[in-house]
Protein backbone atom coordinates (compact mmCIF):
# COMPACT_ATOMS: atom_id res chain seq x y z
CA UNK A 1 -21.46 9.02 -5.70
CA UNK A 2 -21.04 11.78 -3.10
CA UNK A 3 -17.63 13.20 -2.26
CA UNK A 4 -16.23 11.32 0.74
CA UNK A 5 -14.25 12.79 3.63
CA UNK A 6 -12.81 11.43 6.86
CA UNK A 7 -14.29 14.42 8.67
CA UNK A 8 -16.40 17.45 7.80
CA UNK A 9 -16.31 20.65 9.85
CA UNK A 10 -19.42 22.81 9.66
CA UNK A 11 -18.41 26.47 10.00
CA UNK A 12 -15.55 28.40 8.41
CA UNK A 13 -14.73 30.81 11.23
CA UNK A 14 -11.53 30.70 13.23
CA UNK A 15 -12.74 27.75 15.34
CA UNK A 16 -13.40 25.59 12.29
CA UNK A 17 -10.15 26.64 10.63
CA UNK A 18 -8.10 25.97 13.79
CA UNK A 19 -9.54 22.47 14.18
CA UNK A 20 -9.03 21.70 10.49
CA UNK A 21 -5.42 22.88 10.59
CA UNK A 22 -4.55 20.88 13.71
CA UNK A 23 -6.16 17.74 12.28
CA UNK A 24 -4.19 18.22 9.07
CA UNK A 25 -0.96 18.58 11.03
CA UNK A 26 -1.76 15.16 12.50
CA UNK A 27 -2.36 13.79 8.98
CA UNK A 28 -5.89 12.82 9.93
CA UNK A 29 -7.05 12.19 6.37
CA UNK A 30 -9.46 13.93 4.00
CA UNK A 31 -10.76 17.03 5.76
CA UNK A 32 -13.40 19.46 4.49
CA UNK A 33 -14.72 22.69 5.97
CA UNK A 34 -18.20 23.68 4.83
CA UNK A 35 -18.96 27.43 4.84
CA UNK A 36 -22.09 29.05 3.45
CA UNK A 37 -20.42 32.44 2.87
CA UNK A 38 -18.10 33.28 -0.03
CA UNK A 39 -15.44 34.29 2.51
CA UNK A 40 -14.00 32.51 5.54
CA UNK A 41 -14.21 34.08 8.99
CA UNK A 42 -16.74 36.60 7.75
CA UNK A 43 -19.38 36.25 10.48
CA UNK A 44 -18.86 36.21 14.25
CA UNK A 45 -15.06 35.94 13.88
CA UNK A 46 -14.82 39.10 11.80
CA UNK A 47 -16.93 41.13 14.21
CA UNK A 48 -15.18 40.38 17.49
CA UNK A 49 -13.01 42.90 19.35
CA UNK A 50 -9.84 40.82 19.06
CA UNK A 51 -9.04 40.58 22.77
CA UNK A 52 -6.76 37.79 24.04
CA UNK A 53 -6.62 37.25 27.82
CA UNK A 54 -6.23 34.66 30.55
CA UNK A 55 -7.81 36.64 33.37
CA UNK A 56 -10.93 34.50 33.87
CA UNK A 57 -12.71 33.30 37.00
CA UNK A 58 -12.71 29.58 36.12
CA UNK A 59 -9.56 27.48 36.02
CA UNK A 60 -10.52 25.71 32.78
CA UNK A 61 -10.86 29.04 30.95
CA UNK A 62 -7.51 30.23 32.32
CA UNK A 63 -5.84 27.02 31.15
CA UNK A 64 -7.45 27.32 27.70
CA UNK A 65 -6.22 30.90 27.44
CA UNK A 66 -2.70 30.09 28.56
CA UNK A 67 -2.39 27.37 25.92
CA UNK A 68 -3.84 29.78 23.34
CA UNK A 69 -1.36 32.49 24.30
CA UNK A 70 1.48 30.01 23.83
CA UNK A 71 0.16 29.36 20.34
CA UNK A 72 -0.49 33.01 19.52
CA UNK A 73 3.09 33.84 20.49
CA UNK A 74 4.56 31.14 18.23
CA UNK A 75 1.91 31.36 15.49
CA UNK A 76 3.91 33.19 12.82
CA UNK A 77 6.83 30.76 13.05
CA UNK A 78 4.74 27.59 13.30
CA UNK A 79 2.28 28.49 10.54
CA UNK A 80 4.68 30.33 8.27
CA UNK A 81 2.48 33.44 7.99
CA UNK A 82 2.65 37.10 8.98
CA UNK A 83 0.49 37.85 12.04
CA UNK A 84 0.80 40.05 15.11
CA UNK A 85 -0.14 39.31 18.71
CA UNK A 86 0.16 42.81 20.23
CA UNK A 87 0.84 42.10 23.90
CA UNK A 88 -0.15 45.49 25.30
CA UNK A 89 -1.85 43.71 28.21
CA UNK A 90 -5.31 43.56 29.73
CA UNK A 91 -6.18 45.97 32.53
CA UNK A 92 -9.21 45.24 34.71
CA UNK A 93 -10.55 48.18 36.74
CA UNK A 94 -12.23 47.42 40.08
CA UNK A 95 -14.56 49.97 41.64
CA UNK A 96 -16.30 48.09 44.48
CA UNK A 97 -15.23 46.01 47.47
CA UNK A 98 -17.16 43.06 46.03
CA UNK A 99 -15.14 43.23 42.81
CA UNK A 100 -11.88 43.53 44.77
CA UNK A 101 -12.71 40.49 46.89
CA UNK A 102 -13.62 38.40 43.85
CA UNK A 103 -10.52 39.40 41.91
CA UNK A 104 -8.24 38.78 44.89
CA UNK A 105 -9.30 35.12 44.82
CA UNK A 106 -8.87 34.95 41.05
CA UNK A 107 -5.49 36.69 41.27
CA UNK A 108 -4.18 33.93 43.53
CA UNK A 109 -5.47 31.30 41.09
CA UNK A 110 -3.81 33.02 38.12
CA UNK A 111 -0.50 33.16 39.96
CA UNK A 112 -0.82 29.50 41.03
CA UNK A 113 -1.35 28.48 37.39
CA UNK A 114 1.67 30.49 36.30
CA UNK A 115 -0.05 33.36 34.49
CA UNK A 116 1.94 36.57 35.12
CA UNK A 117 -0.48 39.10 36.59
CA UNK A 118 0.11 42.26 38.63
CA UNK A 119 -2.11 43.78 41.32
CA UNK A 120 -2.25 47.56 40.73
CA UNK A 121 -3.11 50.58 42.86
CA UNK A 122 -4.99 53.57 41.41
CA UNK A 123 -1.62 55.35 41.15
CA UNK A 124 -0.18 52.42 39.18
CA UNK A 125 -3.18 52.53 36.85
CA UNK A 126 -2.75 56.24 36.18
CA UNK A 127 0.90 55.65 35.25
CA UNK A 128 -0.08 52.82 32.93
CA UNK A 129 -3.02 54.57 31.22
CA UNK A 130 -3.12 58.31 32.01
CA UNK A 131 -6.29 58.90 29.98
CA UNK A 132 -8.42 56.93 32.46
CA UNK A 133 -10.44 58.65 35.19
CA UNK A 134 -9.41 56.87 38.41
CA UNK A 135 -11.29 58.74 41.19
CA UNK A 136 -13.60 55.76 41.86
CA UNK A 137 -11.07 52.98 41.21
CA UNK A 138 -10.00 50.88 44.21
CA UNK A 139 -7.55 48.56 42.44
CA UNK A 140 -6.85 46.76 39.21
CA UNK A 141 -5.22 43.69 37.72
CA UNK A 142 -2.92 43.72 34.73
CA UNK A 143 -1.14 41.08 32.67
CA UNK A 144 1.36 42.06 30.02
CA UNK A 145 1.05 38.60 28.47
CA UNK A 146 -2.53 39.38 27.39
CA UNK A 147 -3.29 41.65 24.47
CA UNK A 148 -5.07 42.00 21.15
CA UNK A 149 -4.86 40.36 17.73
CA UNK A 150 -6.42 40.70 14.31
CA UNK A 151 -9.03 37.92 13.91
CA UNK A 152 -8.75 38.07 10.11
CA UNK A 153 -4.96 37.59 10.17
CA UNK A 154 -5.07 34.57 12.44
CA UNK A 155 -8.02 32.97 10.65
CA UNK A 156 -6.32 33.32 7.29
CA UNK A 157 -3.13 32.01 8.86
CA UNK A 158 -4.88 28.77 9.79
CA UNK A 159 -6.55 28.61 6.38
CA UNK A 160 -3.31 29.15 4.45
CA UNK A 161 -1.41 26.56 6.48
CA UNK A 162 -4.22 23.99 6.34
CA UNK A 163 -4.72 24.39 2.60
CA UNK A 164 -1.03 23.60 2.12
CA UNK A 165 -1.73 20.41 4.06
CA UNK A 166 -4.67 19.44 1.84
CA UNK A 167 -7.75 20.72 3.71
CA UNK A 168 -10.65 21.52 1.36
CA UNK A 169 -12.69 24.66 2.04
CA UNK A 170 -16.10 24.36 0.37
CA UNK A 171 -17.28 27.97 0.15
CA UNK A 172 -20.79 29.12 -0.72
CA UNK A 173 -21.91 25.67 0.38
CA UNK A 174 -24.56 25.63 3.08
CA UNK A 175 -24.94 22.63 5.36
CA UNK A 176 -28.67 21.88 5.72
CA UNK A 177 -28.68 18.57 7.59
CA UNK A 178 -26.79 15.60 8.93
CA UNK A 179 -27.59 12.23 7.36
CA UNK A 180 -28.01 9.42 9.90
CA UNK A 181 -28.56 5.71 9.35
CA UNK A 182 -29.04 3.20 12.18
CA UNK A 183 -27.84 5.72 14.79
CA UNK A 184 -24.67 6.37 12.78
CA UNK A 185 -23.64 9.50 10.90
CA UNK A 186 -23.15 8.83 7.20
CA UNK A 187 -22.94 12.33 5.74
CA UNK A 188 -23.64 16.05 5.72
CA UNK A 189 -26.43 17.31 3.53
CA UNK A 190 -25.69 20.58 1.75
CA UNK A 191 -27.47 22.78 -0.74
CA UNK A 192 -25.05 21.32 -3.33
CA UNK A 193 -25.65 17.68 -2.43
CA UNK A 194 -24.55 15.06 0.08
CA UNK A 195 -20.98 14.87 1.41
CA UNK A 196 -20.25 11.40 2.77
CA UNK A 197 -18.53 11.16 6.16
CA UNK A 198 -18.80 9.38 9.50
CA UNK A 199 -17.38 12.27 11.51
CA UNK A 200 -18.72 15.82 11.84
CA UNK A 201 -17.60 18.83 13.88
CA UNK A 202 -20.25 21.39 14.78
CA UNK A 203 -18.29 24.66 14.70
CA UNK A 204 -21.22 26.72 13.47
CA UNK A 205 -20.95 29.54 16.02
CA UNK A 206 -24.31 31.28 16.53
CA UNK A 207 -25.95 28.53 14.43
CA UNK A 208 -24.57 25.65 16.52
CA UNK A 209 -27.94 24.96 18.12
CA UNK A 210 -29.56 24.59 14.69
CA UNK A 211 -26.89 22.11 13.60
CA UNK A 212 -27.33 20.02 16.76
CA UNK A 213 -31.09 20.00 16.24
CA UNK A 214 -30.60 18.12 12.95
CA UNK A 215 -29.86 15.02 15.01
CA UNK A 216 -32.41 15.76 17.73
CA UNK A 217 -30.01 17.35 20.23
CA UNK A 218 -30.88 20.59 22.05
CA UNK A 219 -27.54 22.33 22.44
CA UNK A 220 -27.93 25.24 24.92
CA UNK A 221 -26.31 27.92 22.75
CA UNK A 222 -28.11 31.22 22.18
CA UNK A 223 -27.07 33.96 19.70
CA UNK A 224 -27.09 37.37 21.41
CA UNK A 225 -26.17 40.67 19.75
CA UNK A 226 -23.31 42.82 21.03
CA UNK A 227 -22.26 46.17 19.57
CA UNK A 228 -18.94 47.89 19.05
CA UNK A 229 -18.07 51.47 18.10
CA UNK A 230 -14.73 52.90 16.95
CA UNK A 231 -13.38 56.45 16.90
CA UNK A 232 -11.18 58.41 14.55
CA UNK A 233 -7.52 58.82 15.67
CA UNK A 234 -7.01 60.39 19.11
CA UNK A 235 -3.82 62.23 20.09
CA UNK A 236 -3.98 60.97 23.69
CA UNK A 237 -3.90 57.26 22.72
CA UNK A 238 -0.46 55.78 22.11
CA UNK A 239 0.77 52.36 21.01
CA UNK A 240 1.12 51.12 24.59
CA UNK A 241 -2.53 51.70 25.56
CA UNK A 242 -3.81 48.35 26.92
CA UNK A 243 -7.13 46.60 26.60
CA UNK A 244 -9.13 48.14 29.45
CA UNK A 245 -12.12 46.46 31.09
CA UNK A 246 -14.21 48.51 33.52
CA UNK A 247 -15.70 45.65 35.54
CA UNK A 248 -18.42 47.72 37.19
CA UNK A 249 -19.87 49.28 34.04
CA UNK A 250 -18.96 46.46 31.65
CA UNK A 251 -17.19 48.82 29.25
CA UNK A 252 -14.17 47.47 27.36
CA UNK A 253 -11.88 49.44 25.10
CA UNK A 254 -8.57 49.13 23.28
CA UNK A 255 -6.53 51.08 20.75
CA UNK A 256 -7.71 50.75 17.15
CA UNK A 257 -6.11 52.47 14.14
CA UNK A 258 -4.90 55.38 16.23
CA UNK A 259 -8.21 55.77 18.03
CA UNK A 260 -10.27 53.54 20.29
CA UNK A 261 -12.59 50.58 19.92
CA UNK A 262 -15.30 50.53 22.60
CA UNK A 263 -17.84 47.85 23.43
CA UNK A 264 -20.33 46.85 26.10
CA UNK A 265 -22.73 43.97 26.66
CA UNK A 266 -26.31 45.11 27.11
CA UNK A 267 -27.64 42.26 29.27
CA UNK A 268 -31.24 43.10 28.32
CA UNK A 269 -30.65 42.24 24.65
CA UNK A 270 -32.89 39.29 23.71
CA UNK A 271 -31.57 36.21 21.94
CA UNK A 272 -31.82 36.33 18.16
CA UNK A 273 -29.99 36.85 14.90
CA UNK A 274 -30.48 40.62 14.55
CA UNK A 275 -27.09 42.27 13.95
CA UNK A 276 -28.35 45.75 13.00
CA UNK A 277 -26.80 48.76 14.72
CA UNK A 278 -29.10 50.24 17.38
CA UNK A 279 -28.29 53.96 17.86
CA UNK A 280 -29.42 53.84 21.49
CA UNK A 281 -27.05 50.94 22.12
CA UNK A 282 -24.21 52.90 20.53
CA UNK A 283 -25.03 55.96 22.67
CA UNK A 284 -24.96 53.83 25.82
CA UNK A 285 -21.47 52.58 24.91
CA UNK A 286 -20.24 56.13 24.29
CA UNK A 287 -21.67 57.43 27.57
CA UNK A 288 -19.88 54.68 29.50
CA UNK A 289 -16.73 55.52 27.57
CA UNK A 290 -16.99 59.21 28.47
CA UNK A 291 -17.36 58.40 32.16
CA UNK A 292 -14.10 56.45 32.15
CA UNK A 293 -12.19 58.48 29.52
CA UNK A 294 -13.42 62.11 29.69
CA UNK A 295 -11.26 63.19 26.74
CA UNK A 296 -13.54 61.14 24.49
CA UNK A 297 -15.82 64.17 24.31
CA UNK A 298 -13.54 65.42 21.52
CA UNK A 299 -13.69 62.14 19.59
CA UNK A 300 -15.21 61.68 16.18
CA UNK A 301 -17.11 58.43 15.66
CA UNK A 302 -15.68 56.34 12.84
CA UNK A 303 -17.97 53.31 12.63
CA UNK A 304 -20.20 50.94 14.59
CA UNK A 305 -21.33 47.37 14.06
CA UNK A 306 -23.21 44.54 15.65
CA UNK A 307 -22.18 40.90 15.96
CA UNK A 308 -23.34 37.75 17.69
CA UNK A 309 -22.04 36.10 20.84
CA UNK A 310 -22.83 32.38 21.09
CA UNK A 311 -23.83 32.16 24.74
CA UNK A 312 -24.24 29.13 27.02
CA UNK A 313 -26.00 29.20 30.43
CA UNK A 314 -22.67 29.09 32.31
CA UNK A 315 -20.58 31.11 29.81
CA UNK A 316 -18.28 28.17 29.13
CA UNK A 317 -17.78 26.55 25.75
CA UNK A 318 -19.17 23.15 24.82
CA UNK A 319 -16.35 20.90 23.60
CA UNK A 320 -16.38 17.20 22.90
CA UNK A 321 -18.47 14.35 21.53
CA UNK A 322 -22.10 14.85 20.76
CA UNK A 323 -25.00 13.10 22.40
CA UNK A 324 -25.86 9.60 21.01
CA UNK A 325 -23.52 9.83 18.02
CA UNK A 326 -19.86 8.93 18.54
CA UNK A 327 -18.91 10.67 15.30
CA UNK A 328 -20.42 14.05 16.19
CA UNK A 329 -18.27 16.66 17.96
CA UNK A 330 -19.17 20.13 19.17
CA UNK A 331 -16.95 23.20 19.46
CA UNK A 332 -19.39 25.97 20.21
CA UNK A 333 -20.86 28.33 22.80
CA UNK A 334 -17.76 30.39 23.54
CA UNK A 335 -19.76 33.31 24.97
CA UNK A 336 -17.54 35.94 23.36
CA UNK A 337 -14.23 34.10 23.89
CA UNK A 338 -14.02 32.08 20.68
CA UNK A 339 -11.23 34.04 19.00
CA UNK A 340 -8.98 34.07 22.05
CA UNK A 341 -9.52 30.36 22.74
CA UNK A 342 -9.35 29.17 19.12
CA UNK A 343 -5.71 28.00 19.19
CA UNK A 344 -6.33 25.86 22.28
CA UNK A 345 -9.59 24.55 20.84
CA UNK A 346 -7.81 23.54 17.65
CA UNK A 347 -5.22 21.59 19.65
CA UNK A 348 -7.51 19.78 22.10
CA UNK A 349 -10.25 18.98 19.58
CA UNK A 350 -7.73 17.48 17.15
CA UNK A 351 -6.29 15.40 19.99
CA UNK A 352 -9.76 14.24 21.04
CA UNK A 353 -10.81 13.34 17.51
CA UNK A 354 -7.57 11.41 16.97
CA UNK A 355 -8.12 9.45 20.17
CA UNK A 356 -5.16 11.01 21.99
CA UNK A 357 -4.94 12.37 25.55
CA UNK A 358 -5.85 16.06 25.43
CA UNK A 359 -3.34 18.73 26.43
CA UNK A 360 -5.99 20.13 28.78
CA UNK A 361 -8.66 18.10 30.56
CA UNK A 362 -11.80 19.35 28.79
CA UNK A 363 -14.27 17.07 30.58
CA UNK A 364 -15.48 20.19 32.43
CA UNK A 365 -16.67 21.51 29.05
CA UNK A 366 -18.66 18.44 28.04
CA UNK A 367 -22.30 18.83 27.06
CA UNK A 368 -23.05 16.31 29.83
CA UNK A 369 -22.39 18.95 32.49
CA UNK A 370 -25.84 20.42 31.95
CA UNK A 371 -27.39 17.10 32.98
CA UNK A 372 -25.20 15.97 35.85
CA UNK A 373 -24.54 19.01 38.03
CA UNK A 374 -25.42 22.69 38.47
CA UNK A 375 -23.19 24.71 36.12
CA UNK A 376 -20.41 26.83 37.63
CA UNK A 377 -20.65 30.17 35.86
CA UNK A 378 -17.73 32.09 34.39
CA UNK A 379 -18.11 35.51 35.98
CA UNK A 380 -15.47 37.54 34.10
CA UNK A 381 -17.53 37.95 30.94
CA UNK A 382 -17.57 41.14 28.89
């Protein structure tokens, strides 16, 4: 007889671990997380930049971030683990009137929702981050509540806490299908055999579309490569240096081990699973970095890597019940925001699965939105 669980979560990144932990806190029952790798959080989670922010253009993303920041701030105490949410802030640099107009509207929305954000002049920005070239900057926004975190620390925090509560993590176990009988889920097929369950969460990150296809559903999630490069320590970067986003160029950068981490989304990159480091891509990131931080010309490159964003057409996640099958749930398509939204996702998905009112109305993130109305795109994507 196959092992039987009340729910099986496919994907052992931070999204899967957060959902498992929150379900366990609610004493949901027998919970298993299936992960093909020998380590948890070793794929998209491990390769993200670690940014945590609430400065988005859509209200639902702001609300998800604000709930996540609540949880990041209380994480160590609630989970009983050592983690750090380094609230150095997020600084957005605006270099065109169009950007200023757009961010003015968003700024009012952030303030209405209660997210503490400041509107900065070029002089303010120079005081905050002297290393930045500001000749072309018109204004900026900054929130001290935003910041950076270590994805590995927080993932392992969820894993440690959930294991104490009885969650089973089935490592080196690859899900290869979902067993259905009479339009009802009865199990997850793996390379080690069938696991019996009537409830499945698709938290497979870049592979979420493949998982959905097992039951005939076309989930609009595409894997797209992004690259990151880090430098050796730099004497002009101190512990207060914020996460900086140059809206016009798309460059983002934050302090990393005494130096800087720099990234940029090349919008011409085709969908696919290639994570190899492209030297031309790395050079493009460095050139954008030099334009904004001229002192980088003295920097030594430490390392570079590629990772996958799981992108939806409107750059919003897909959360909720699956199509046709009441026992199938999706938590995918975060478009680069999975780490920062993971705490909120864990909360609302556990509430949804347990049949409770959700802390945030996530109907806007339902898969059904792609059928019923033109999607409203999240514009503050990096």
